[in-house]
């Protein structure tokens, strides 16, 4: 973790950003292998896989912030992450 010391990252922060980069790489490979068109979902806006990924990540950030603000840090954030995964599944399925 000495490589991340200049930013004062914890291992959780490094893992988070590594996951985001891996997710972007996986989405790029998926799009190259199986190009998708735009889809009209429940929000009545045309979205691509990348748009739905962005909506999922943004919503997940708000879910975690709301968790910290309303419930507090005493209850583990794993529950907020589980809610975020369900939210992301819903976004990819219906948006």
C-alpha atoms as a PDB file:
ATOM      1  CA  UNK A   1       0.000   0.000   0.000  1.00  0.00           C
ATOM      2  CA  UNK A   2       3.031   2.283  -0.002  1.00  0.00           C
ATOM      3  CA  UNK A   3       2.296   3.116  -3.650  1.00  0.00           C
ATOM      4  CA  UNK A   4      -0.952   4.787  -2.574  1.00  0.00           C
ATOM      5  CA  UNK A   5       0.530   6.678   0.385  1.00  0.00           C
ATOM      6  CA  UNK A   6       0.792   9.941  -1.563  1.00  0.00           C
ATOM      7  CA  UNK A   7      -3.032  10.079  -1.648  1.00  0.00           C
ATOM      8  CA  UNK A   8      -3.568   8.647   1.844  1.00  0.00           C
ATOM      9  CA  UNK A   9      -5.755   5.883   0.421  1.00  0.00           C
ATOM     10  CA  UNK A  10      -6.942   3.021   2.526  1.00  0.00           C
ATOM     11  CA  UNK A  11      -7.090  -0.465   1.082  1.00  0.00           C
ATOM     12  CA  UNK A  12     -10.865  -0.102   0.821  1.00  0.00           C
ATOM     13  CA  UNK A  13     -10.535   2.994  -1.339  1.00  0.00           C
ATOM     14  CA  UNK A  14      -7.961   1.312  -3.583  1.00  0.00           C
ATOM     15  CA  UNK A  15     -10.217  -1.730  -3.899  1.00  0.00           C
ATOM     16  CA  UNK A  16     -13.190   0.471  -4.791  1.00  0.00           C
ATOM     17  CA  UNK A  17     -11.389   2.268  -7.594  1.00  0.00           C
ATOM     18  CA  UNK A  18      -9.846  -0.973  -8.839  1.00  0.00           C
ATOM     19  CA  UNK A  19     -13.363  -2.416  -9.027  1.00  0.00           C
ATOM     20  CA  UNK A  20     -14.594   0.608 -10.999  1.00  0.00           C
ATOM     21  CA  UNK A  21     -11.716   0.305 -13.483  1.00  0.00           C
ATOM     22  CA  UNK A  22     -12.333  -3.443 -13.850  1.00  0.00           C
ATOM     23  CA  UNK A  23     -16.021  -2.754 -14.407  1.00  0.00           C
ATOM     24  CA  UNK A  24     -15.262  -0.218 -17.135  1.00  0.00           C
ATOM     25  CA  UNK A  25     -12.872  -2.639 -18.837  1.00  0.00           C
ATOM     26  CA  UNK A  26     -15.438  -5.446 -18.658  1.00  0.00           C
ATOM     27  CA  UNK A  27     -18.144  -3.191 -20.117  1.00  0.00           C
ATOM     28  CA  UNK A  28     -15.806  -2.191 -22.959  1.00  0.00           C
ATOM     29  CA  UNK A  29     -15.026  -5.817 -23.772  1.00  0.00           C
ATOM     30  CA  UNK A  30     -18.724  -6.707 -23.578  1.00  0.00           C
ATOM     31  CA  UNK A  31     -19.643  -3.842 -25.918  1.00  0.00           C
ATOM     32  CA  UNK A  32     -16.936  -4.882 -28.398  1.00  0.00           C
ATOM     33  CA  UNK A  33     -18.048  -8.522 -28.324  1.00  0.00           C
ATOM     34  CA  UNK A  34     -21.775  -7.797 -28.465  1.00  0.00           C
ATOM     35  CA  UNK A  35     -22.646  -4.251 -29.552  1.00  0.00           C
ATOM     36  CA  UNK A  36     -25.881  -2.967 -28.087  1.00  0.00           C
ATOM     37  CA  UNK A  37     -28.214  -0.331 -29.366  1.00  0.00           C
ATOM     38  CA  UNK A  38     -30.165   2.189 -27.414  1.00  0.00           C
ATOM     39  CA  UNK A  39     -33.141   0.947 -25.437  1.00  0.00           C
ATOM     40  CA  UNK A  40     -36.213   2.798 -24.233  1.00  0.00           C
ATOM     41  CA  UNK A  41     -36.817   1.831 -20.616  1.00  0.00           C
ATOM     42  CA  UNK A  42     -39.175   2.633 -17.775  1.00  0.00           C
ATOM     43  CA  UNK A  43     -37.927   6.223 -17.516  1.00  0.00           C
ATOM     44  CA  UNK A  44     -38.862   6.751 -21.175  1.00  0.00           C
ATOM     45  CA  UNK A  45     -35.336   7.812 -22.116  1.00  0.00           C
ATOM     46  CA  UNK A  46     -33.040   6.028 -24.544  1.00  0.00           C
ATOM     47  CA  UNK A  47     -30.098   4.447 -22.746  1.00  0.00           C
ATOM     48  CA  UNK A  48     -27.140   2.279 -23.653  1.00  0.00           C
ATOM     49  CA  UNK A  49     -25.298  -0.133 -21.380  1.00  0.00           C
ATOM     50  CA  UNK A  50     -22.821   2.601 -20.509  1.00  0.00           C
ATOM     51  CA  UNK A  51     -25.630   4.987 -19.583  1.00  0.00           C
ATOM     52  CA  UNK A  52     -27.183   2.370 -17.334  1.00  0.00           C
ATOM     53  CA  UNK A  53     -23.792   1.716 -15.716  1.00  0.00           C
ATOM     54  CA  UNK A  54     -23.405   5.432 -14.999  1.00  0.00           C
ATOM     55  CA  UNK A  55     -26.943   5.654 -13.554  1.00  0.00           C
ATOM     56  CA  UNK A  56     -26.182   2.603 -11.388  1.00  0.00           C
ATOM     57  CA  UNK A  57     -22.912   4.036 -10.060  1.00  0.00           C
ATOM     58  CA  UNK A  58     -24.450   7.432  -9.372  1.00  0.00           C
ATOM     59  CA  UNK A  59     -27.449   5.920  -7.620  1.00  0.00           C
ATOM     60  CA  UNK A  60     -25.204   3.638  -5.577  1.00  0.00           C
ATOM     61  CA  UNK A  61     -23.215   6.646  -4.380  1.00  0.00           C
ATOM     62  CA  UNK A  62     -26.431   8.310  -3.219  1.00  0.00           C
ATOM     63  CA  UNK A  63     -27.598   5.096  -1.532  1.00  0.00           C
ATOM     64  CA  UNK A  64     -24.356   4.914   0.449  1.00  0.00           C
ATOM     65  CA  UNK A  65     -24.496   8.602   1.380  1.00  0.00           C
ATOM     66  CA  UNK A  66     -28.110   8.249   2.493  1.00  0.00           C
ATOM     67  CA  UNK A  67     -27.158   5.170   4.516  1.00  0.00           C
ATOM     68  CA  UNK A  68     -24.437   7.089   6.316  1.00  0.00           C
ATOM     69  CA  UNK A  69     -26.657  10.121   6.835  1.00  0.00           C
ATOM     70  CA  UNK A  70     -29.797   8.333   7.998  1.00  0.00           C
ATOM     71  CA  UNK A  71     -28.525   5.183   9.693  1.00  0.00           C
ATOM     72  CA  UNK A  72     -24.978   6.140  10.570  1.00  0.00           C
ATOM     73  CA  UNK A  73     -21.658   4.342  10.501  1.00  0.00           C
ATOM     74  CA  UNK A  74     -22.576   1.988  13.359  1.00  0.00           C
ATOM     75  CA  UNK A  75     -24.438  -0.413  11.060  1.00  0.00           C
ATOM     76  CA  UNK A  76     -22.080  -1.974   8.467  1.00  0.00           C
ATOM     77  CA  UNK A  77     -22.055  -0.524   4.966  1.00  0.00           C
ATOM     78  CA  UNK A  78     -22.423  -4.040   3.562  1.00  0.00           C
ATOM     79  CA  UNK A  79     -26.181  -3.570   3.705  1.00  0.00           C
ATOM     80  CA  UNK A  80     -25.970  -0.397   1.625  1.00  0.00           C
ATOM     81  CA  UNK A  81     -23.795  -2.268  -0.858  1.00  0.00           C
ATOM     82  CA  UNK A  82     -26.384  -5.043  -1.075  1.00  0.00           C
ATOM     83  CA  UNK A  83     -29.129  -2.480  -1.684  1.00  0.00           C
ATOM     84  CA  UNK A  84     -26.912  -0.906  -4.358  1.00  0.00           C
ATOM     85  CA  UNK A  85     -26.473  -4.249  -6.120  1.00  0.00           C
ATOM     86  CA  UNK A  86     -30.244  -4.774  -6.175  1.00  0.00           C
ATOM     87  CA  UNK A  87     -30.655  -1.210  -7.456  1.00  0.00           C
ATOM     88  CA  UNK A  88     -28.067  -1.772 -10.203  1.00  0.00           C
ATOM     89  CA  UNK A  89     -29.801  -4.992 -11.256  1.00  0.00           C
ATOM     90  CA  UNK A  90     -33.066  -3.078 -11.496  1.00  0.00           C
ATOM     91  CA  UNK A  91     -31.480  -0.302 -13.541  1.00  0.00           C
ATOM     92  CA  UNK A  92     -29.956  -2.754 -16.017  1.00  0.00           C
ATOM     93  CA  UNK A  93     -33.206  -4.688 -16.227  1.00  0.00           C
ATOM     94  CA  UNK A  94     -35.842  -1.945 -16.471  1.00  0.00           C
ATOM     95  CA  UNK A  95     -34.215   1.417 -17.256  1.00  0.00           C
END
